[in-house]
Amino acid sequence: MNKIIHDKFTIKLIKENFLSLEIHQNQVIEADDIHLIYKGYEKLIGENEYVVAVYGNNFSSISAEAREIAASKYASKKRKKVALISNNLANILIVKFFINWNKPQTPIKIFKSEESAYEWLESD
């Protein structure tokens, strides 16, 4: 499996055009990190369309500026779906607020189980 490991996150190519992003425990994703994440996506996927499963850890987060960049600059026709997998209420509330406030162009759903998230990501 191809992967990119950074101090704050790990990106894995699960299978063709299917990525996972795990934010490491106790890390805050900042604006510069968002750019690195999307460079990692491009390195693993190239110019192809893709879906991504994002794993939110209990003690990780993303800054407001990073969320804004992810919603605006990286709103891409290549990114087909994003699934957040988390049982953490704080992560879930942040993502729901993000979705309602930023109205991202990419469909985003929140799941408590990896199986449900993967099912949705792989559906048409």
Protein backbone atom coordinates (compact mmCIF):
# COMPACT_ATOMS: atom_id res chain seq x y z
CA MET A 1 0.00 0.00 0.00
CA ASN A 2 1.35 3.42 -0.94
CA LYS A 3 1.37 5.96 1.83
CA ILE A 4 2.74 9.32 2.87
CA ILE A 5 3.66 9.79 6.51
CA HIS A 6 4.00 13.29 7.95
CA ASP A 7 4.44 14.41 11.56
CA LYS A 8 0.77 15.42 11.74
CA PHE A 9 -0.97 13.01 9.37
CA THR A 10 -0.77 9.87 7.25
CA ILE A 11 -2.30 9.52 3.79
CA LYS A 12 -2.84 6.03 2.38
CA LEU A 13 -3.90 4.82 -1.03
CA ILE A 14 -6.48 2.19 -0.06
CA LYS A 15 -7.12 1.19 -3.66
CA GLU A 16 -7.38 2.91 -7.01
CA ASN A 17 -8.82 6.42 -6.51
CA PHE A 18 -9.60 5.76 -2.82
CA LEU A 19 -7.57 7.57 -0.17
CA SER A 20 -7.59 7.70 3.61
CA LEU A 21 -6.34 10.57 5.73
CA GLU A 22 -5.59 9.99 9.40
CA ILE A 23 -4.87 13.02 11.53
CA HIS A 24 -2.42 11.95 14.21
CA GLN A 25 -3.36 12.19 17.87
CA ASN A 26 -2.92 15.64 19.50
CA GLN A 27 -2.28 17.41 16.19
CA VAL A 28 -3.84 20.61 14.86
CA ILE A 29 -3.97 20.88 11.08
CA GLU A 30 -3.00 24.40 10.02
CA ALA A 31 -3.15 26.15 6.63
CA ASP A 32 0.32 24.97 5.57
CA ASP A 33 -0.62 21.39 6.44
CA ILE A 34 -3.67 21.53 4.15
CA HIS A 35 -1.39 22.33 1.22
CA LEU A 36 0.83 19.35 2.12
CA ILE A 37 -2.19 17.06 2.40
CA TYR A 38 -3.43 17.97 -1.07
CA LYS A 39 0.07 17.60 -2.52
CA GLY A 40 0.07 14.11 -0.98
CA TYR A 41 -3.29 13.33 -2.56
CA GLU A 42 -1.95 14.40 -5.95
CA LYS A 43 1.21 12.33 -5.50
CA LEU A 44 -0.82 9.18 -4.77
CA ILE A 45 -3.72 9.77 -7.20
CA GLY A 46 -2.27 11.97 -9.94
CA GLU A 47 -4.92 13.84 -11.87
CA ASN A 48 -7.60 11.19 -11.31
CA GLU A 49 -10.90 11.61 -9.49
CA TYR A 50 -10.92 10.30 -5.93
CA VAL A 51 -12.81 9.75 -2.69
CA VAL A 52 -11.29 10.12 0.77
CA ALA A 53 -12.03 8.70 4.20
CA VAL A 54 -10.88 11.07 6.95
CA TYR A 55 -10.21 9.64 10.39
CA GLY A 56 -10.64 12.19 13.17
CA ASN A 57 -8.85 11.31 16.39
CA ASN A 58 -10.20 12.38 19.78
CA PHE A 59 -7.49 14.94 20.38
CA SER A 60 -6.87 16.30 16.89
CA SER A 61 -8.42 19.29 15.15
CA ILE A 62 -8.21 21.66 12.20
CA SER A 63 -7.84 25.43 12.37
CA ALA A 64 -10.51 27.76 10.96
CA GLU A 65 -8.08 29.01 8.31
CA ALA A 66 -7.26 25.44 7.23
CA ARG A 67 -10.99 24.61 6.98
CA GLU A 68 -11.56 27.68 4.83
CA ILE A 69 -8.70 26.76 2.47
CA ALA A 70 -9.96 23.17 2.20
CA ALA A 71 -13.48 24.38 1.37
CA SER A 72 -12.53 27.09 -1.12
CA LYS A 73 -9.12 26.58 -2.72
CA TYR A 74 -9.33 22.80 -2.87
CA ALA A 75 -12.96 22.56 -3.93
CA SER A 76 -12.26 20.23 -6.80
CA LYS A 77 -14.24 18.32 -9.37
CA LYS A 78 -11.68 15.54 -8.89
CA ARG A 79 -12.74 15.02 -5.26
CA LYS A 80 -16.01 13.09 -5.45
CA LYS A 81 -16.83 12.34 -1.79
CA VAL A 82 -15.43 12.80 1.70
CA ALA A 83 -16.39 10.61 4.66
CA LEU A 84 -15.41 11.59 8.19
CA ILE A 85 -15.09 8.58 10.47
CA SER A 86 -15.30 9.50 14.14
CA ASN A 87 -17.08 8.71 17.38
CA ASN A 88 -15.88 11.97 18.91
CA LEU A 89 -18.73 14.42 19.51
CA ALA A 90 -16.42 17.44 19.19
CA ASN A 91 -15.18 16.29 15.76
CA ILE A 92 -18.73 15.60 14.63
CA LEU A 93 -19.96 19.04 15.72
CA ILE A 94 -17.03 20.80 14.05
CA VAL A 95 -17.64 18.97 10.77
CA LYS A 96 -21.39 19.66 10.88
CA PHE A 97 -20.66 23.35 11.48
CA PHE A 98 -18.09 23.30 8.65
CA ILE A 99 -20.60 21.74 6.25
CA ASN A 100 -23.37 24.19 7.17
CA TRP A 101 -21.15 27.28 7.17
CA ASN A 102 -18.90 26.63 4.15
CA LYS A 103 -21.34 24.69 1.96
CA PRO A 104 -18.55 22.61 0.37
CA GLN A 105 -19.05 21.52 -3.23
CA THR A 106 -17.98 17.97 -2.41
CA PRO A 107 -20.52 15.72 -0.66
CA ILE A 108 -19.37 15.15 2.94
CA LYS A 109 -20.94 12.72 5.39
CA ILE A 110 -20.09 11.71 8.93
CA PHE A 111 -19.92 8.06 9.96
CA LYS A 112 -19.24 6.25 13.20
CA SER A 113 -18.09 3.07 11.45
CA GLU A 114 -15.43 2.53 8.81
CA GLU A 115 -17.58 -0.09 7.09
CA SER A 116 -20.49 2.34 6.55
CA ALA A 117 -18.16 5.09 5.38
CA TYR A 118 -16.41 2.84 2.87
CA GLU A 119 -19.76 1.57 1.58
CA TRP A 120 -20.94 5.13 0.95
CA LEU A 121 -17.63 6.19 -0.62
CA GLU A 122 -17.74 3.28 -3.05
CA SER A 123 -21.38 3.80 -4.04
CA ASP A 124 -22.38 5.78 -7.12
